[in-house]
Amino acid sequence: MVGASAILAVFFVVELTTALAIGSLALLADASHMLTDLVAMFMGLTALLLARRGSTSAARTYGWHRAEVFTAVANAVLLLGVAVFILYEAVERLGQNPEIPGWPMIVVALAGLAANVAVVLLLRSHAEGSLAVKGAYMEVLADTVSSVGVLIAGVVTVTTGWPYADTVVAVLVALWVLPRAIALARAALRILSESSPAHIDVAELRSALAAVDGVTEVHDLHVWTLAPGKDMVTAHLASDGRSDRILHDARAVLAARGLDHATVQVEPPGASEECPVHSDV
């Protein structure tokens, strides 16, 4: 991932410099999108390094798992800001008949497209083994759309001389980025607000736990996401049966739903909170 990050960083500087030099909004939008690729790559590297380090302490018992989520929020804010700026600049250019040279756009777009392809090839073999790397991989794949759009704008400008090709592509790229930024922000804020994972039906999970033989009541059931790919659950099960058998069956119910990080407390019916039987799974 270090090599992929270096390639993206170099071509981000190239695109940004060229965009500012020739006044191309399409290149600026593509450079901004490439910046989000760099942020996604940083998130992936951070997640991998912290996961390997396994950093925990008495003050931070969950380690650094949320670092990736905070970075995702920053990435979403950056994306939204860039998209709004590009749309604002596009509106400002209406009626101004901007003169944007097409050949620099074509050359830089081709270079950017080549960079994206190189990064995709570097990340493809690692994308299945890490959710963070897979996210960065998908970001780079999506960025190829922006590069192709800039290339088309450059070709149209050179062949037809139409002055608004650059502006139209910039708007399309901004509109392509905007919903993805909103989706990223919603996903990150859902985790930070400790909402239940969208793929977990909490009511169904409660019913499945209640259906475990010997369980008479399910209460204090909480399901949340600590970080992408790491869902957590806690539950209290009132039971008049053997706690070891109840835990075995409850573990099977949770594992079937991908909830491997679980803490289950088994207690006798009507037992006070001062003397429960604690067991973890």
Protein backbone atom coordinates (compact mmCIF):
# COMPACT_ATOMS: atom_id res chain seq x y z
CA MET A 1 0.00 0.00 0.00
CA VAL A 2 2.95 2.33 0.50
CA GLY A 3 3.84 2.10 -3.18
CA ALA A 4 0.23 2.73 -4.21
CA SER A 5 0.06 5.76 -1.91
CA ALA A 6 3.26 7.17 -3.42
CA ILE A 7 1.88 6.84 -6.97
CA LEU A 8 -1.36 8.59 -6.01
CA ALA A 9 0.48 11.36 -4.17
CA VAL A 10 2.69 12.13 -7.18
CA PHE A 11 -0.19 12.30 -9.63
CA PHE A 12 -2.33 14.28 -7.23
CA VAL A 13 0.35 16.99 -7.23
CA VAL A 14 0.62 16.79 -11.04
CA GLU A 15 -3.15 17.11 -11.54
CA LEU A 16 -3.58 19.87 -8.98
CA THR A 17 -0.68 21.90 -10.39
CA THR A 18 -1.94 21.54 -13.98
CA ALA A 19 -5.53 22.34 -12.99
CA LEU A 20 -4.48 25.57 -11.29
CA ALA A 21 -2.11 26.48 -14.14
CA ILE A 22 -4.66 26.14 -16.95
CA GLY A 23 -7.82 26.87 -14.93
CA SER A 24 -9.43 23.47 -15.55
CA LEU A 25 -12.32 22.67 -13.23
CA ALA A 26 -12.52 19.09 -14.51
CA LEU A 27 -8.88 18.45 -13.61
CA LEU A 28 -9.39 20.13 -10.25
CA ALA A 29 -12.38 17.87 -9.57
CA ASP A 30 -10.39 14.79 -10.58
CA ALA A 31 -7.45 15.88 -8.42
CA SER A 32 -9.82 16.31 -5.50
CA HIS A 33 -11.20 12.85 -6.10
CA MET A 34 -7.65 11.49 -6.17
CA LEU A 35 -7.07 13.22 -2.83
CA THR A 36 -9.91 11.16 -1.39
CA ASP A 37 -8.12 8.06 -2.72
CA LEU A 38 -5.07 9.13 -0.72
CA VAL A 39 -7.21 9.60 2.38
CA ALA A 40 -8.76 6.16 1.85
CA MET A 41 -5.26 4.72 1.47
CA PHE A 42 -4.21 6.44 4.68
CA MET A 43 -7.22 4.92 6.41
CA GLY A 44 -6.24 1.49 5.15
CA LEU A 45 -2.63 1.86 6.25
CA THR A 46 -3.68 3.21 9.63
CA ALA A 47 -6.13 0.38 10.20
CA LEU A 48 -3.55 -2.25 9.23
CA LEU A 49 -0.76 -0.77 11.37
CA LEU A 50 -2.95 -0.30 14.42
CA ALA A 51 -4.45 -3.76 14.03
CA ARG A 52 -0.98 -5.28 13.94
CA ARG A 53 0.07 -3.22 16.93
CA GLY A 54 -3.04 -4.21 18.83
CA SER A 55 -2.80 -1.04 20.89
CA THR A 56 -4.82 -1.26 24.09
CA SER A 57 -4.37 0.21 27.52
CA ALA A 58 -6.33 0.73 30.70
CA ALA A 59 -7.45 4.08 29.30
CA ARG A 60 -8.23 2.74 25.81
CA THR A 61 -9.55 -0.81 26.17
CA TYR A 62 -10.88 -0.93 22.60
CA GLY A 63 -7.55 0.17 21.16
CA TRP A 64 -7.50 2.40 18.05
CA HIS A 65 -10.31 0.77 16.07
CA ARG A 66 -12.28 4.03 15.83
CA ALA A 67 -9.35 5.86 14.17
CA GLU A 68 -10.56 4.59 10.80
CA VAL A 69 -14.06 5.93 11.48
CA PHE A 70 -12.84 9.40 12.45
CA THR A 71 -10.74 9.49 9.27
CA ALA A 72 -13.82 8.53 7.26
CA VAL A 73 -15.70 11.51 8.72
CA ALA A 74 -12.85 13.84 7.73
CA ASN A 75 -12.81 12.28 4.26
CA ALA A 76 -16.56 12.82 3.86
CA VAL A 77 -16.34 16.45 4.95
CA LEU A 78 -13.48 17.01 2.49
CA LEU A 79 -15.46 15.38 -0.33
CA LEU A 80 -18.55 17.46 0.38
CA GLY A 81 -16.54 20.68 0.54
CA VAL A 82 -14.80 19.96 -2.75
CA ALA A 83 -18.03 18.98 -4.53
CA VAL A 84 -19.79 22.16 -3.38
CA PHE A 85 -16.79 24.30 -4.39
CA ILE A 86 -16.67 22.74 -7.88
CA LEU A 87 -20.42 23.29 -8.38
CA TYR A 88 -20.11 26.91 -7.21
CA GLU A 89 -17.20 27.58 -9.57
CA ALA A 90 -19.08 25.95 -12.45
CA VAL A 91 -22.06 28.28 -11.91
CA GLU A 92 -19.70 31.26 -11.75
CA ARG A 93 -18.24 30.34 -15.16
CA LEU A 94 -21.59 30.27 -16.94
CA GLY A 95 -21.61 32.92 -19.65
CA GLN A 96 -17.87 33.63 -19.36
CA ASN A 97 -16.83 31.47 -22.34
CA PRO A 98 -13.72 30.08 -20.56
CA GLU A 99 -10.67 29.20 -22.66
CA ILE A 100 -9.20 25.94 -21.41
CA PRO A 101 -6.39 24.29 -23.43
CA GLY A 102 -7.38 20.73 -24.29
CA TRP A 103 -4.02 19.04 -24.81
CA PRO A 104 -2.75 19.45 -21.22
CA MET A 105 -6.04 17.95 -20.04
CA ILE A 106 -5.62 14.95 -22.33
CA VAL A 107 -2.01 14.31 -21.30
CA VAL A 108 -2.67 14.63 -17.56
CA ALA A 109 -5.90 12.61 -17.75
CA LEU A 110 -4.05 9.78 -19.49
CA ALA A 111 -1.32 9.91 -16.85
CA GLY A 112 -3.93 9.89 -14.09
CA LEU A 113 -5.72 6.97 -15.69
CA ALA A 114 -2.44 5.05 -15.90
CA ALA A 115 -1.76 5.81 -12.24
CA ASN A 116 -5.18 4.51 -11.23
CA VAL A 117 -4.67 1.30 -13.21
CA ALA A 118 -1.26 0.77 -11.60
CA VAL A 119 -2.70 1.26 -8.11
CA VAL A 120 -5.62 -1.08 -8.85
CA LEU A 121 -3.15 -3.80 -9.87
CA LEU A 122 -1.10 -3.22 -6.70
CA LEU A 123 -4.11 -3.42 -4.40
CA ARG A 124 -6.16 -6.12 -6.10
CA SER A 125 -4.38 -9.07 -4.49
CA HIS A 126 -4.77 -7.59 -0.98
CA ALA A 127 -8.34 -6.29 -1.28
CA GLU A 128 -10.03 -9.50 -0.15
CA GLY A 129 -7.99 -9.87 3.02
CA SER A 130 -8.74 -6.46 4.56
CA LEU A 131 -11.88 -4.37 4.64
CA ALA A 132 -9.83 -1.18 4.82
CA VAL A 133 -7.74 -2.15 1.77
CA LYS A 134 -10.89 -3.14 -0.09
CA GLY A 135 -12.35 0.32 0.60
CA ALA A 136 -9.24 1.99 -0.82
CA TYR A 137 -9.36 -0.36 -3.81
CA MET A 138 -12.97 0.58 -4.55
CA GLU A 139 -12.13 4.29 -4.22
CA VAL A 140 -9.40 4.01 -6.85
CA LEU A 141 -11.69 2.05 -9.17
CA ALA A 142 -14.28 4.82 -8.87
CA ASP A 143 -11.65 7.47 -9.60
CA THR A 144 -11.06 5.98 -13.03
CA VAL A 145 -14.50 7.33 -13.99
CA SER A 146 -13.32 10.86 -13.22
CA SER A 147 -10.13 10.39 -15.24
CA VAL A 148 -12.09 9.12 -18.23
CA GLY A 149 -14.41 12.13 -17.94
CA VAL A 150 -11.48 14.56 -17.98
CA LEU A 151 -10.03 12.74 -20.98
CA ILE A 152 -13.33 13.11 -22.85
CA ALA A 153 -13.48 16.82 -21.95
CA GLY A 154 -9.97 17.32 -23.31
CA VAL A 155 -10.77 15.50 -26.56
CA VAL A 156 -14.01 17.50 -27.05
CA THR A 157 -12.16 20.76 -26.38
CA VAL A 158 -9.41 19.95 -28.90
CA THR A 159 -11.68 18.61 -31.65
CA THR A 160 -14.65 21.00 -31.39
CA GLY A 161 -13.36 24.00 -29.47
CA TRP A 162 -16.50 23.96 -27.28
CA PRO A 163 -15.49 26.03 -24.23
CA TYR A 164 -17.86 24.40 -21.74
CA ALA A 165 -16.68 20.78 -22.03
CA ASP A 166 -14.40 21.28 -19.03
CA THR A 167 -17.17 22.83 -16.92
CA VAL A 168 -19.73 20.15 -17.81
CA VAL A 169 -17.36 17.32 -16.89
CA ALA A 170 -16.44 19.09 -13.65
CA VAL A 171 -20.12 19.27 -12.69
CA LEU A 172 -20.63 15.60 -13.57
CA VAL A 173 -17.63 14.59 -11.45
CA ALA A 174 -18.91 16.71 -8.54
CA LEU A 175 -22.36 15.14 -8.83
CA TRP A 176 -20.70 11.70 -8.97
CA VAL A 177 -18.74 12.43 -5.78
CA LEU A 178 -21.53 14.13 -3.80
CA PRO A 179 -23.81 11.12 -3.07
CA ARG A 180 -20.78 8.95 -2.26
CA ALA A 181 -19.60 11.56 0.23
CA ILE A 182 -23.02 11.68 1.86
CA ALA A 183 -23.14 7.87 2.04
CA LEU A 184 -19.67 7.78 3.62
CA ALA A 185 -20.66 10.41 6.19
CA ARG A 186 -23.87 8.58 7.07
CA ALA A 187 -22.03 5.28 7.50
CA ALA A 188 -19.37 6.84 9.73
CA LEU A 189 -21.88 8.81 11.82
CA ARG A 190 -24.00 5.68 12.22
CA ILE A 191 -21.01 3.97 13.80
CA LEU A 192 -20.13 6.95 16.01
CA SER A 193 -23.73 7.20 17.23
CA GLU A 194 -23.56 3.46 18.12
CA SER A 195 -26.61 2.62 16.04
CA SER A 196 -27.26 -1.05 15.42
CA PRO A 197 -25.68 -2.37 12.19
CA ALA A 198 -28.00 -2.07 9.21
CA HIS A 199 -27.57 -5.76 8.34
CA ILE A 200 -28.61 -6.96 11.80
CA ASP A 201 -32.34 -7.32 12.58
CA VAL A 202 -32.28 -6.71 16.34
CA ALA A 203 -35.88 -7.85 16.84
CA GLU A 204 -35.16 -11.11 15.01
CA LEU A 205 -31.96 -11.58 17.02
CA ARG A 206 -33.87 -11.08 20.27
CA SER A 207 -36.42 -13.69 19.19
CA ALA A 208 -33.68 -16.15 18.20
CA LEU A 209 -31.97 -15.80 21.57
CA ALA A 210 -35.29 -16.13 23.38
CA ALA A 211 -35.92 -19.35 21.43
CA VAL A 212 -32.77 -20.97 22.85
CA ASP A 213 -33.84 -23.93 24.97
CA GLY A 214 -33.88 -22.92 28.62
CA VAL A 215 -33.94 -19.15 28.10
CA THR A 216 -36.91 -17.49 29.78
CA GLU A 217 -36.09 -13.84 29.08
CA VAL A 218 -33.74 -11.68 26.99
CA HIS A 219 -32.97 -8.18 28.20
CA ASP A 220 -30.27 -5.52 27.92
CA LEU A 221 -29.58 -6.58 24.33
CA HIS A 222 -27.23 -4.10 22.66
CA VAL A 223 -25.74 -4.37 19.17
CA TRP A 224 -23.37 -1.79 17.71
CA THR A 225 -20.39 -1.43 15.37
CA LEU A 226 -17.00 -0.59 16.84
CA ALA A 227 -15.36 -0.20 13.41
CA PRO A 228 -16.18 -1.44 9.90
CA GLY A 229 -16.27 -5.23 9.99
CA LYS A 230 -16.25 -5.41 13.79
CA ASP A 231 -19.78 -5.69 15.19
CA MET A 232 -20.28 -6.04 18.94
CA VAL A 233 -23.14 -7.42 21.05
CA THR A 234 -24.00 -7.74 24.73
CA ALA A 235 -27.03 -9.56 26.16
CA HIS A 236 -28.48 -10.79 29.44
CA LEU A 237 -30.25 -14.15 29.30
CA ALA A 238 -32.46 -15.28 32.15
CA SER A 239 -32.45 -19.07 32.30
CA ASP A 240 -33.48 -21.95 34.53
CA GLY A 241 -31.11 -24.33 32.74
CA ARG A 242 -27.38 -25.00 32.68
CA SER A 243 -25.39 -21.86 31.88
CA ASP A 244 -22.72 -23.72 29.86
CA ARG A 245 -25.34 -25.21 27.51
CA ILE A 246 -27.15 -21.87 27.22
CA LEU A 247 -23.88 -20.14 26.32
CA HIS A 248 -23.05 -22.77 23.70
CA ASP A 249 -26.42 -22.37 21.99
CA ALA A 250 -26.36 -18.56 22.29
CA ARG A 251 -22.88 -18.52 20.75
CA ALA A 252 -24.20 -20.47 17.77
CA VAL A 253 -27.09 -18.02 17.32
CA LEU A 254 -24.75 -15.02 17.38
CA ALA A 255 -22.06 -16.59 15.19
CA ALA A 256 -24.65 -17.42 12.52
CA ARG A 257 -25.25 -13.67 12.23
CA GLY A 258 -21.59 -12.73 12.15
CA LEU A 259 -21.57 -11.52 15.77
CA ASP A 260 -18.37 -13.11 17.05
CA HIS A 261 -17.45 -10.27 19.44
CA ALA A 262 -20.08 -10.96 22.09
CA THR A 263 -20.53 -10.81 25.83
CA VAL A 264 -23.42 -12.84 27.22
CA GLN A 265 -24.52 -12.86 30.84
CA VAL A 266 -26.60 -15.80 32.03
CA GLU A 267 -28.59 -15.34 35.23
CA PRO A 268 -31.34 -17.20 37.09
CA PRO A 269 -34.89 -15.92 36.58
CA GLY A 270 -35.56 -13.02 38.93
CA ALA A 271 -31.95 -12.88 40.15
CA SER A 272 -30.78 -9.52 41.47
CA GLU A 273 -28.06 -7.62 39.64
CA GLU A 274 -25.76 -8.01 42.64
CA CYS A 275 -25.24 -11.73 42.15
CA PRO A 276 -25.46 -12.72 38.47
CA VAL A 277 -23.60 -15.57 36.87
CA HIS A 278 -21.16 -14.00 34.39
CA SER A 279 -19.92 -15.78 31.30
CA ASP A 280 -18.33 -14.39 28.15
CA VAL A 281 -18.38 -15.72 24.63
